[in-house]
Amino acid sequence: MTRRDALVRVIDLLHDEIEALKTNDVNALERATAGKLDAIETLRALGDGPAGPELRALAEEADRLNETCRIYVNLMAANVRRRLQILSGNSGQAYGRGVHAAYA
């Protein structure tokens, strides 16, 4: 496998992760994440070297997709946090109280 092939594999699996996050498919997310980590390990094993324009473009695309995954995860975490705050009666003050109490 070449570095190009491994990067294309990472990109494909990042697309799979995004789709799994959108549909809340935990099993698909686990498969995509495990595959992505394997592809990244393959990239590591292939080593560093000069990267031409195509490899740089693929790496930049993988980085953009990874950022999209991070945003989805953060949004999901924020939604869970908000729901827990509503359930506990702490609508919006979860962090503020802890910080203020520490300095009181």
PDB file of N, CA and C in Angstrom:
ATOM      1  N   MET A   1       0.855  -1.175   0.000  1.00  0.00           N
ATOM      2  CA  MET A   1       0.000   0.000   0.000  1.00  0.00           C
ATOM      3  C   MET A   1       0.899   1.235   0.000  1.00  0.00           C
ATOM      4  N   THR A   2       0.517   2.221  -0.768  1.00  0.00           N
ATOM      5  CA  THR A   2       1.272   3.470  -0.832  1.00  0.00           C
ATOM      6  C   THR A   2       0.696   4.476   0.162  1.00  0.00           C
ATOM      7  N   ARG A   3       1.437   5.548   0.391  1.00  0.00           N
ATOM      8  CA  ARG A   3       0.924   6.610   1.273  1.00  0.00           C
ATOM      9  C   ARG A   3      -0.349   7.208   0.688  1.00  0.00           C
ATOM     10  N   ARG A   4      -0.398   7.328  -0.636  1.00  0.00           N
ATOM     11  CA  ARG A   4      -1.603   7.845  -1.280  1.00  0.00           C
ATOM     12  C   ARG A   4      -2.798   6.942  -0.990  1.00  0.00           C
ATOM     13  N   ASP A   5      -2.597   5.645  -1.155  1.00  0.00           N
ATOM     14  CA  ASP A   5      -3.683   4.691  -0.892  1.00  0.00           C
ATOM     15  C   ASP A   5      -4.151   4.773   0.561  1.00  0.00           C
ATOM     16  N   ALA A   6      -3.203   4.881   1.473  1.00  0.00           N
ATOM     17  CA  ALA A   6      -3.553   4.954   2.895  1.00  0.00           C
ATOM     18  C   ALA A   6      -4.314   6.240   3.201  1.00  0.00           C
ATOM     19  N   LEU A   7      -3.903   7.352   2.590  1.00  0.00           N
ATOM     20  CA  LEU A   7      -4.618   8.614   2.802  1.00  0.00           C
ATOM     21  C   LEU A   7      -6.030   8.564   2.219  1.00  0.00           C
ATOM     22  N   VAL A   8      -6.175   7.965   1.059  1.00  0.00           N
ATOM     23  CA  VAL A   8      -7.505   7.813   0.470  1.00  0.00           C
ATOM     24  C   VAL A   8      -8.378   6.960   1.384  1.00  0.00           C
ATOM     25  N   ARG A   9      -7.789   5.935   1.955  1.00  0.00           N
ATOM     26  CA  ARG A   9      -8.531   5.071   2.899  1.00  0.00           C
ATOM     27  C   ARG A   9      -8.965   5.886   4.127  1.00  0.00           C
ATOM     28  N   VAL A  10      -8.071   6.699   4.680  1.00  0.00           N
ATOM     29  CA  VAL A  10      -8.418   7.548   5.824  1.00  0.00           C
ATOM     30  C   VAL A  10      -9.580   8.467   5.454  1.00  0.00           C
ATOM     31  N   ILE A  11      -9.519   9.073   4.283  1.00  0.00           N
ATOM     32  CA  ILE A  11     -10.574   9.982   3.840  1.00  0.00           C
ATOM     33  C   ILE A  11     -11.905   9.251   3.718  1.00  0.00           C
ATOM     34  N   ASP A  12     -11.885   8.076   3.099  1.00  0.00           N
ATOM     35  CA  ASP A  12     -13.117   7.291   2.973  1.00  0.00           C
ATOM     36  C   ASP A  12     -13.710   6.968   4.340  1.00  0.00           C
ATOM     37  N   LEU A  13     -12.853   6.613   5.273  1.00  0.00           N
ATOM     38  CA  LEU A  13     -13.331   6.246   6.607  1.00  0.00           C
ATOM     39  C   LEU A  13     -13.791   7.465   7.395  1.00  0.00           C
ATOM     40  N   LEU A  14     -13.201   8.617   7.150  1.00  0.00           N
ATOM     41  CA  LEU A  14     -13.699   9.843   7.774  1.00  0.00           C
ATOM     42  C   LEU A  14     -15.101  10.168   7.260  1.00  0.00           C
ATOM     43  N   HIS A  15     -15.330   9.950   5.972  1.00  0.00           N
ATOM     44  CA  HIS A  15     -16.691  10.113   5.441  1.00  0.00           C
ATOM     45  C   HIS A  15     -17.660   9.158   6.140  1.00  0.00           C
ATOM     46  N   ASP A  16     -17.212   7.919   6.346  1.00  0.00           N
ATOM     47  CA  ASP A  16     -18.045   6.940   7.052  1.00  0.00           C
ATOM     48  C   ASP A  16     -18.323   7.382   8.490  1.00  0.00           C
ATOM     49  N   GLU A  17     -17.307   7.931   9.151  1.00  0.00           N
ATOM     50  CA  GLU A  17     -17.495   8.431  10.522  1.00  0.00           C
ATOM     51  C   GLU A  17     -18.523   9.558  10.553  1.00  0.00           C
ATOM     52  N   ILE A  18     -18.421  10.478   9.626  1.00  0.00           N
ATOM     53  CA  ILE A  18     -19.357  11.600   9.581  1.00  0.00           C
ATOM     54  C   ILE A  18     -20.780  11.089   9.384  1.00  0.00           C
ATOM     55  N   GLU A  19     -20.952  10.162   8.470  1.00  0.00           N
ATOM     56  CA  GLU A  19     -22.285   9.602   8.226  1.00  0.00           C
ATOM     57  C   GLU A  19     -22.809   8.894   9.475  1.00  0.00           C
ATOM     58  N   ALA A  20     -21.953   8.148  10.142  1.00  0.00           N
ATOM     59  CA  ALA A  20     -22.364   7.452  11.373  1.00  0.00           C
ATOM     60  C   ALA A  20     -22.736   8.447  12.464  1.00  0.00           C
ATOM     61  N   LEU A  21     -22.000   9.535  12.561  1.00  0.00           N
ATOM     62  CA  LEU A  21     -22.326  10.568  13.550  1.00  0.00           C
ATOM     63  C   LEU A  21     -23.660  11.226  13.225  1.00  0.00           C
ATOM     64  N   LYS A  22     -23.910  11.495  11.949  1.00  0.00           N
ATOM     65  CA  LYS A  22     -25.173  12.114  11.538  1.00  0.00           C
ATOM     66  C   LYS A  22     -26.371  11.230  11.855  1.00  0.00           C
ATOM     67  N   THR A  23     -26.187   9.928  11.730  1.00  0.00           N
ATOM     68  CA  THR A  23     -27.309   8.998  11.909  1.00  0.00           C
ATOM     69  C   THR A  23     -27.312   8.336  13.290  1.00  0.00           C
ATOM     70  N   ASN A  24     -26.363   8.722  14.131  1.00  0.00           N
ATOM     71  CA  ASN A  24     -26.239   8.130  15.471  1.00  0.00           C
ATOM     72  C   ASN A  24     -26.103   6.612  15.417  1.00  0.00           C
ATOM     73  N   ASP A  25     -25.351   6.119  14.448  1.00  0.00           N
ATOM     74  CA  ASP A  25     -25.123   4.683  14.287  1.00  0.00           C
ATOM     75  C   ASP A  25     -23.806   4.323  14.989  1.00  0.00           C
ATOM     76  N   VAL A  26     -23.928   3.877  16.228  1.00  0.00           N
ATOM     77  CA  VAL A  26     -22.749   3.607  17.048  1.00  0.00           C
ATOM     78  C   VAL A  26     -21.897   2.485  16.462  1.00  0.00           C
ATOM     79  N   ASN A  27     -22.526   1.435  15.962  1.00  0.00           N
ATOM     80  CA  ASN A  27     -21.758   0.324  15.394  1.00  0.00           C
ATOM     81  C   ASN A  27     -20.967   0.760  14.169  1.00  0.00           C
ATOM     82  N   ALA A  28     -21.599   1.545  13.300  1.00  0.00           N
ATOM     83  CA  ALA A  28     -20.896   2.044  12.116  1.00  0.00           C
ATOM     84  C   ALA A  28     -19.765   2.987  12.527  1.00  0.00           C
ATOM     85  N   LEU A  29     -20.009   3.781  13.560  1.00  0.00           N
ATOM     86  CA  LEU A  29     -18.968   4.691  14.048  1.00  0.00           C
ATOM     87  C   LEU A  29     -17.771   3.909  14.578  1.00  0.00           C
ATOM     88  N   GLU A  30     -18.030   2.858  15.328  1.00  0.00           N
ATOM     89  CA  GLU A  30     -16.933   2.031  15.847  1.00  0.00           C
ATOM     90  C   GLU A  30     -16.134   1.397  14.712  1.00  0.00           C
ATOM     91  N   ARG A  31     -16.827   0.881  13.697  1.00  0.00           N
ATOM     92  CA  ARG A  31     -16.132   0.265  12.563  1.00  0.00           C
ATOM     93  C   ARG A  31     -15.295   1.295  11.807  1.00  0.00           C
ATOM     94  N   ALA A  32     -15.891   2.446  11.533  1.00  0.00           N
ATOM     95  CA  ALA A  32     -15.180   3.478  10.781  1.00  0.00           C
ATOM     96  C   ALA A  32     -13.972   3.982  11.559  1.00  0.00           C
ATOM     97  N   THR A  33     -14.145   4.181  12.855  1.00  0.00           N
ATOM     98  CA  THR A  33     -13.042   4.680  13.670  1.00  0.00           C
ATOM     99  C   THR A  33     -11.904   3.667  13.747  1.00  0.00           C
ATOM    100  N   ALA A  34     -12.253   2.406  13.950  1.00  0.00           N
ATOM    101  CA  ALA A  34     -11.220   1.365  14.007  1.00  0.00           C
ATOM    102  C   ALA A  34     -10.478   1.276  12.676  1.00  0.00           C
ATOM    103  N   GLY A  35     -11.216   1.320  11.577  1.00  0.00           N
ATOM    104  CA  GLY A  35     -10.580   1.283  10.256  1.00  0.00           C
ATOM    105  C   GLY A  35      -9.693   2.489  10.018  1.00  0.00           C
ATOM    106  N   LYS A  36     -10.176   3.662  10.441  1.00  0.00           N
ATOM    107  CA  LYS A  36      -9.394   4.891  10.275  1.00  0.00           C
ATOM    108  C   LYS A  36      -8.087   4.791  11.067  1.00  0.00           C
ATOM    109  N   LEU A  37      -8.166   4.308  12.294  1.00  0.00           N
ATOM    110  CA  LEU A  37      -6.957   4.181  13.104  1.00  0.00           C
ATOM    111  C   LEU A  37      -5.980   3.188  12.483  1.00  0.00           C
ATOM    112  N   ASP A  38      -6.480   2.115  11.894  1.00  0.00           N
ATOM    113  CA  ASP A  38      -5.611   1.163  11.193  1.00  0.00           C
ATOM    114  C   ASP A  38      -4.934   1.826   9.994  1.00  0.00           C
ATOM    115  N   ALA A  39      -5.707   2.611   9.243  1.00  0.00           N
ATOM    116  CA  ALA A  39      -5.143   3.296   8.072  1.00  0.00           C
ATOM    117  C   ALA A  39      -4.098   4.319   8.496  1.00  0.00           C
ATOM    118  N   ILE A  40      -4.348   5.004   9.607  1.00  0.00           N
ATOM    119  CA  ILE A  40      -3.367   5.964  10.112  1.00  0.00           C
ATOM    120  C   ILE A  40      -2.097   5.239  10.560  1.00  0.00           C
ATOM    121  N   GLU A  41      -2.258   4.085  11.171  1.00  0.00           N
ATOM    122  CA  GLU A  41      -1.090   3.287  11.564  1.00  0.00           C
ATOM    123  C   GLU A  41      -0.313   2.844  10.331  1.00  0.00           C
ATOM    124  N   THR A  42      -1.013   2.487   9.283  1.00  0.00           N
ATOM    125  CA  THR A  42      -0.356   2.126   8.026  1.00  0.00           C
ATOM    126  C   THR A  42       0.440   3.309   7.496  1.00  0.00           C
ATOM    127  N   LEU A  43      -0.152   4.503   7.541  1.00  0.00           N
ATOM    128  CA  LEU A  43       0.562   5.709   7.119  1.00  0.00           C
ATOM    129  C   LEU A  43       1.831   5.912   7.934  1.00  0.00           C
ATOM    130  N   ARG A  44       1.724   5.732   9.247  1.00  0.00           N
ATOM    131  CA  ARG A  44       2.881   5.892  10.115  1.00  0.00           C
ATOM    132  C   ARG A  44       3.970   4.903   9.735  1.00  0.00           C
ATOM    133  N   ALA A  45       3.567   3.657   9.491  1.00  0.00           N
ATOM    134  CA  ALA A  45       4.532   2.619   9.149  1.00  0.00           C
ATOM    135  C   ALA A  45       5.204   2.882   7.802  1.00  0.00           C
ATOM    136  N   LEU A  46       4.493   3.549   6.902  1.00  0.00           N
ATOM    137  CA  LEU A  46       5.084   3.861   5.596  1.00  0.00           C
ATOM    138  C   LEU A  46       6.125   4.964   5.691  1.00  0.00           C
ATOM    139  N   GLY A  47       6.128   5.673   6.798  1.00  0.00           N
ATOM    140  CA  GLY A  47       7.157   6.669   7.058  1.00  0.00           C
ATOM    141  C   GLY A  47       6.891   8.009   6.406  1.00  0.00           C
ATOM    142  N   ASP A  48       7.772   8.923   6.754  1.00  0.00           N
ATOM    143  CA  ASP A  48       7.702  10.274   6.209  1.00  0.00           C
ATOM    144  C   ASP A  48       8.541  10.336   4.948  1.00  0.00           C
ATOM    145  N   GLY A  49       8.311  11.330   4.221  1.00  0.00           N
ATOM    146  CA  GLY A  49       9.106  11.560   3.021  1.00  0.00           C
ATOM    147  C   GLY A  49       8.539  12.758   2.299  1.00  0.00           C
ATOM    148  N   PRO A  50       9.161  13.106   1.219  1.00  0.00           N
ATOM    149  CA  PRO A  50       8.658  14.248   0.467  1.00  0.00           C
ATOM    150  C   PRO A  50       7.223  13.992   0.015  1.00  0.00           C
ATOM    151  N   ALA A  51       6.409  15.009   0.170  1.00  0.00           N
ATOM    152  CA  ALA A  51       5.012  14.903  -0.237  1.00  0.00           C
ATOM    153  C   ALA A  51       4.775  15.864  -1.387  1.00  0.00           C
ATOM    154  N   GLY A  52       4.341  15.313  -2.494  1.00  0.00           N
ATOM    155  CA  GLY A  52       4.022  16.146  -3.640  1.00  0.00           C
ATOM    156  C   GLY A  52       2.671  16.818  -3.458  1.00  0.00           C
ATOM    157  N   PRO A  53       2.262  17.565  -4.438  1.00  0.00           N
ATOM    158  CA  PRO A  53       0.993  18.296  -4.341  1.00  0.00           C
ATOM    159  C   PRO A  53      -0.213  17.385  -4.098  1.00  0.00           C
ATOM    160  N   GLU A  54      -0.228  16.215  -4.720  1.00  0.00           N
ATOM    161  CA  GLU A  54      -1.371  15.314  -4.536  1.00  0.00           C
ATOM    162  C   GLU A  54      -1.462  14.815  -3.093  1.00  0.00           C
ATOM    163  N   LEU A  55      -0.344  14.405  -2.523  1.00  0.00           N
ATOM    164  CA  LEU A  55      -0.356  13.939  -1.137  1.00  0.00           C
ATOM    165  C   LEU A  55      -0.723  15.064  -0.180  1.00  0.00           C
ATOM    166  N   ARG A  56      -0.209  16.246  -0.417  1.00  0.00           N
ATOM    167  CA  ARG A  56      -0.556  17.391   0.435  1.00  0.00           C
ATOM    168  C   ARG A  56      -2.046  17.689   0.355  1.00  0.00           C
ATOM    169  N   ALA A  57      -2.604  17.637  -0.845  1.00  0.00           N
ATOM    170  CA  ALA A  57      -4.042  17.891  -1.020  1.00  0.00           C
ATOM    171  C   ALA A  57      -4.867  16.830  -0.296  1.00  0.00           C
ATOM    172  N   LEU A  58      -4.446  15.584  -0.385  1.00  0.00           N
ATOM    173  CA  LEU A  58      -5.167  14.512   0.317  1.00  0.00           C
ATOM    174  C   LEU A  58      -5.065  14.686   1.830  1.00  0.00           C
ATOM    175  N   ALA A  59      -3.883  15.044   2.308  1.00  0.00           N
ATOM    176  CA  ALA A  59      -3.709  15.265   3.747  1.00  0.00           C
ATOM    177  C   ALA A  59      -4.572  16.432   4.225  1.00  0.00           C
ATOM    178  N   GLU A  60      -4.654  17.496   3.416  1.00  0.00           N
ATOM    179  CA  GLU A  60      -5.495  18.635   3.778  1.00  0.00           C
ATOM    180  C   GLU A  60      -6.964  18.249   3.795  1.00  0.00           C
ATOM    181  N   GLU A  61      -7.398  17.427   2.846  1.00  0.00           N
ATOM    182  CA  GLU A  61      -8.788  16.952   2.829  1.00  0.00           C
ATOM    183  C   GLU A  61      -9.071  16.105   4.067  1.00  0.00           C
ATOM    184  N   ALA A  62      -8.143  15.226   4.423  1.00  0.00           N
ATOM    185  CA  ALA A  62      -8.317  14.410   5.630  1.00  0.00           C
ATOM    186  C   ALA A  62      -8.410  15.300   6.861  1.00  0.00           C
ATOM    187  N   ASP A  63      -7.595  16.331   6.910  1.00  0.00           N
ATOM    188  CA  ASP A  63      -7.627  17.258   8.043  1.00  0.00           C
ATOM    189  C   ASP A  63      -8.971  17.974   8.126  1.00  0.00           C
ATOM    190  N   ARG A  64      -9.506  18.428   6.998  1.00  0.00           N
ATOM    191  CA  ARG A  64     -10.813  19.099   6.985  1.00  0.00           C
ATOM    192  C   ARG A  64     -11.918  18.154   7.454  1.00  0.00           C
ATOM    193  N   LEU A  65     -11.881  16.926   6.969  1.00  0.00           N
ATOM    194  CA  LEU A  65     -12.896  15.952   7.372  1.00  0.00           C
ATOM    195  C   LEU A  65     -12.775  15.615   8.850  1.00  0.00           C
ATOM    196  N   ASN A  66     -11.557  15.507   9.346  1.00  0.00           N
ATOM    197  CA  ASN A  66     -11.357  15.244  10.768  1.00  0.00           C
ATOM    198  C   ASN A  66     -11.920  16.389  11.603  1.00  0.00           C
ATOM    199  N   GLU A  67     -11.732  17.617  11.139  1.00  0.00           N
ATOM    200  CA  GLU A  67     -12.283  18.786  11.836  1.00  0.00           C
ATOM    201  C   GLU A  67     -13.819  18.728  11.836  1.00  0.00           C
ATOM    202  N   THR A  68     -14.397  18.288  10.731  1.00  0.00           N
ATOM    203  CA  THR A  68     -15.855  18.130  10.671  1.00  0.00           C
ATOM    204  C   THR A  68     -16.325  17.105  11.695  1.00  0.00           C
ATOM    205  N   CYS A  69     -15.607  15.999  11.807  1.00  0.00           N
ATOM    206  CA  CYS A  69     -15.946  14.987  12.822  1.00  0.00           C
ATOM    207  C   CYS A  69     -15.863  15.586  14.219  1.00  0.00           C
ATOM    208  N   ARG A  70     -14.831  16.351  14.478  1.00  0.00           N
ATOM    209  CA  ARG A  70     -14.662  16.969  15.793  1.00  0.00           C
ATOM    210  C   ARG A  70     -15.825  17.894  16.108  1.00  0.00           C
ATOM    211  N   ILE A  71     -16.260  18.660  15.127  1.00  0.00           N
ATOM    212  CA  ILE A  71     -17.385  19.575  15.331  1.00  0.00           C
ATOM    213  C   ILE A  71     -18.650  18.793  15.654  1.00  0.00           C
ATOM    214  N   TYR A  72     -18.916  17.723  14.913  1.00  0.00           N
ATOM    215  CA  TYR A  72     -20.090  16.897  15.195  1.00  0.00           C
ATOM    216  C   TYR A  72     -20.055  16.343  16.619  1.00  0.00           C
ATOM    217  N   VAL A  73     -18.897  15.829  17.016  1.00  0.00           N
ATOM    218  CA  VAL A  73     -18.773  15.267  18.365  1.00  0.00           C
ATOM    219  C   VAL A  73     -18.994  16.348  19.416  1.00  0.00           C
ATOM    220  N   ASN A  74     -18.416  17.521  19.216  1.00  0.00           N
ATOM    221  CA  ASN A  74     -18.597  18.608  20.176  1.00  0.00           C
ATOM    222  C   ASN A  74     -20.049  19.050  20.263  1.00  0.00           C
ATOM    223  N   LEU A  75     -20.735  19.112  19.125  1.00  0.00           N
ATOM    224  CA  LEU A  75     -22.152  19.474  19.135  1.00  0.00           C
ATOM    225  C   LEU A  75     -22.982  18.432  19.881  1.00  0.00           C
ATOM    226  N   MET A  76     -22.672  17.166  19.647  1.00  0.00           N
ATOM    227  CA  MET A  76     -23.399  16.106  20.353  1.00  0.00           C
ATOM    228  C   MET A  76     -23.149  16.192  21.856  1.00  0.00           C
ATOM    229  N   ALA A  77     -21.910  16.438  22.244  1.00  0.00           N
ATOM    230  CA  ALA A  77     -21.578  16.559  23.667  1.00  0.00           C
ATOM    231  C   ALA A  77     -22.287  17.754  24.291  1.00  0.00           C
ATOM    232  N   ALA A  78     -22.354  18.860  23.556  1.00  0.00           N
ATOM    233  CA  ALA A  78     -23.040  20.041  24.069  1.00  0.00           C
ATOM    234  C   ALA A  78     -24.537  19.772  24.239  1.00  0.00           C
ATOM    235  N   ASN A  79     -25.123  19.037  23.306  1.00  0.00           N
ATOM    236  CA  ASN A  79     -26.542  18.685  23.430  1.00  0.00           C
ATOM    237  C   ASN A  79     -26.797  17.799  24.641  1.00  0.00           C
ATOM    238  N   VAL A  80     -25.932  16.836  24.864  1.00  0.00           N
ATOM    239  CA  VAL A  80     -26.073  15.962  26.033  1.00  0.00           C
ATOM    240  C   VAL A  80     -25.919  16.777  27.311  1.00  0.00           C
ATOM    241  N   ARG A  81     -24.913  17.645  27.353  1.00  0.00           N
ATOM    242  CA  ARG A  81     -24.686  18.483  28.533  1.00  0.00           C
ATOM    243  C   ARG A  81     -25.919  19.338  28.820  1.00  0.00           C
ATOM    244  N   ARG A  82     -26.459  19.953  27.779  1.00  0.00           N
ATOM    245  CA  ARG A  82     -27.643  20.813  27.938  1.00  0.00           C
ATOM    246  C   ARG A  82     -28.828  20.003  28.456  1.00  0.00           C
ATOM    247  N   ARG A  83     -29.049  18.821  27.920  1.00  0.00           N
ATOM    248  CA  ARG A  83     -30.159  17.985  28.382  1.00  0.00           C
ATOM    249  C   ARG A  83     -29.974  17.579  29.842  1.00  0.00           C
ATOM    250  N   LEU A  84     -28.753  17.250  30.210  1.00  0.00           N
ATOM    251  CA  LEU A  84     -28.485  16.891  31.605  1.00  0.00           C
ATOM    252  C   LEU A  84     -28.689  18.082  32.526  1.00  0.00           C
ATOM    253  N   GLN A  85     -28.304  19.265  32.071  1.00  0.00           N
ATOM    254  CA  GLN A  85     -28.522  20.469  32.873  1.00  0.00           C
ATOM    255  C   GLN A  85     -30.014  20.723  33.065  1.00  0.00           C
ATOM    256  N   ILE A  86     -30.781  20.542  32.028  1.00  0.00           N
ATOM    257  CA  ILE A  86     -32.233  20.728  32.139  1.00  0.00           C
ATOM    258  C   ILE A  86     -32.823  19.712  33.106  1.00  0.00           C
ATOM    259  N   LEU A  87     -32.407  18.465  32.988  1.00  0.00           N
ATOM    260  CA  LEU A  87     -32.918  17.423  33.882  1.00  0.00           C
ATOM    261  C   LEU A  87     -32.551  17.675  35.337  1.00  0.00           C
ATOM    262  N   SER A  88     -31.370  18.245  35.560  1.00  0.00           N
ATOM    263  CA  SER A  88     -30.924  18.472  36.932  1.00  0.00           C
ATOM    264  C   SER A  88     -31.375  19.827  37.476  1.00  0.00           C
ATOM    265  N   GLY A  89     -32.013  20.629  36.634  1.00  0.00           N
ATOM    266  CA  GLY A  89     -32.469  21.946  37.076  1.00  0.00           C
ATOM    267  C   GLY A  89     -31.392  23.010  37.006  1.00  0.00           C
ATOM    268  N   ASN A  90     -30.237  22.688  36.436  1.00  0.00           N
ATOM    269  CA  ASN A  90     -29.138  23.652  36.285  1.00  0.00           C
ATOM    270  C   ASN A  90     -29.077  24.098  34.833  1.00  0.00           C
ATOM    271  N   SER A  91     -29.966  24.978  34.447  1.00  0.00           N
ATOM    272  CA  SER A  91     -30.008  25.377  33.045  1.00  0.00           C
ATOM    273  C   SER A  91     -28.996  26.475  32.753  1.00  0.00           C
ATOM    274  N   GLY A  92     -27.775  26.074  32.458  1.00  0.00           N
ATOM    275  CA  GLY A  92     -26.778  27.023  32.006  1.00  0.00           C
ATOM    276  C   GLY A  92     -25.751  27.448  33.029  1.00  0.00           C
ATOM    277  N   GLN A  93     -25.815  27.037  34.243  1.00  0.00           N
ATOM    278  CA  GLN A  93     -24.865  27.485  35.262  1.00  0.00           C
ATOM    279  C   GLN A  93     -23.923  26.375  35.724  1.00  0.00           C
ATOM    280  N   ALA A  94     -23.847  25.302  34.987  1.00  0.00           N
ATOM    281  CA  ALA A  94     -23.050  24.157  35.440  1.00  0.00           C
ATOM    282  C   ALA A  94     -21.585  24.503  35.650  1.00  0.00           C
ATOM    283  N   TYR A  95     -20.998  25.291  34.751  1.00  0.00           N
ATOM    284  CA  TYR A  95     -19.581  25.606  34.889  1.00  0.00           C
ATOM    285  C   TYR A  95     -19.371  26.816  35.788  1.00  0.00           C
ATOM    286  N   GLY A  96     -20.216  27.789  35.675  1.00  0.00           N
ATOM    287  CA  GLY A  96     -20.062  29.021  36.437  1.00  0.00           C
ATOM    288  C   GLY A  96     -20.059  28.810  37.933  1.00  0.00           C
ATOM    289  N   ARG A  97     -20.943  27.992  38.445  1.00  0.00           N
ATOM    290  CA  ARG A  97     -21.025  27.765  39.897  1.00  0.00           C
ATOM    291  C   ARG A  97     -19.747  27.139  40.433  1.00  0.00           C
ATOM    292  N   GLY A  98     -19.209  26.170  39.706  1.00  0.00           N
ATOM    293  CA  GLY A  98     -18.008  25.514  40.180  1.00  0.00           C
ATOM    294  C   GLY A  98     -16.825  26.458  40.254  1.00  0.00           C
ATOM    295  N   VAL A  99     -16.700  27.320  39.285  1.00  0.00           N
ATOM    296  CA  VAL A  99     -15.588  28.263  39.267  1.00  0.00           C
ATOM    297  C   VAL A  99     -15.758  29.289  40.393  1.00  0.00           C
ATOM    298  N   HIS A 100     -16.968  29.823  40.537  1.00  0.00           N
ATOM    299  CA  HIS A 100     -17.196  30.825  41.581  1.00  0.00           C
ATOM    300  C   HIS A 100     -17.057  30.215  42.966  1.00  0.00           C
ATOM    301  N   ALA A 101     -17.545  29.020  43.143  1.00  0.00           N
ATOM    302  CA  ALA A 101     -17.459  28.377  44.457  1.00  0.00           C
ATOM    303  C   ALA A 101     -16.011  28.114  44.846  1.00  0.00           C
ATOM    304  N   ALA A 102     -15.175  27.842  43.863  1.00  0.00           N
ATOM    305  CA  ALA A 102     -13.770  27.562  44.153  1.00  0.00           C
ATOM    306  C   ALA A 102     -13.043  28.790  44.700  1.00  0.00           C
ATOM    307  N   TYR A 103     -13.515  29.979  44.340  1.00  0.00           N
ATOM    308  CA  TYR A 103     -12.849  31.200  44.780  1.00  0.00           C
ATOM    309  C   TYR A 103     -13.599  31.914  45.900  1.00  0.00           C
ATOM    310  N   ALA A 104     -14.708  31.353  46.337  1.00  0.00           N
ATOM    311  CA  ALA A 104     -15.504  32.015  47.391  1.00  0.00           C
ATOM    312  C   ALA A 104     -14.880  31.851  48.741  1.00  0.00           C
TER     313      ALA A 104
END
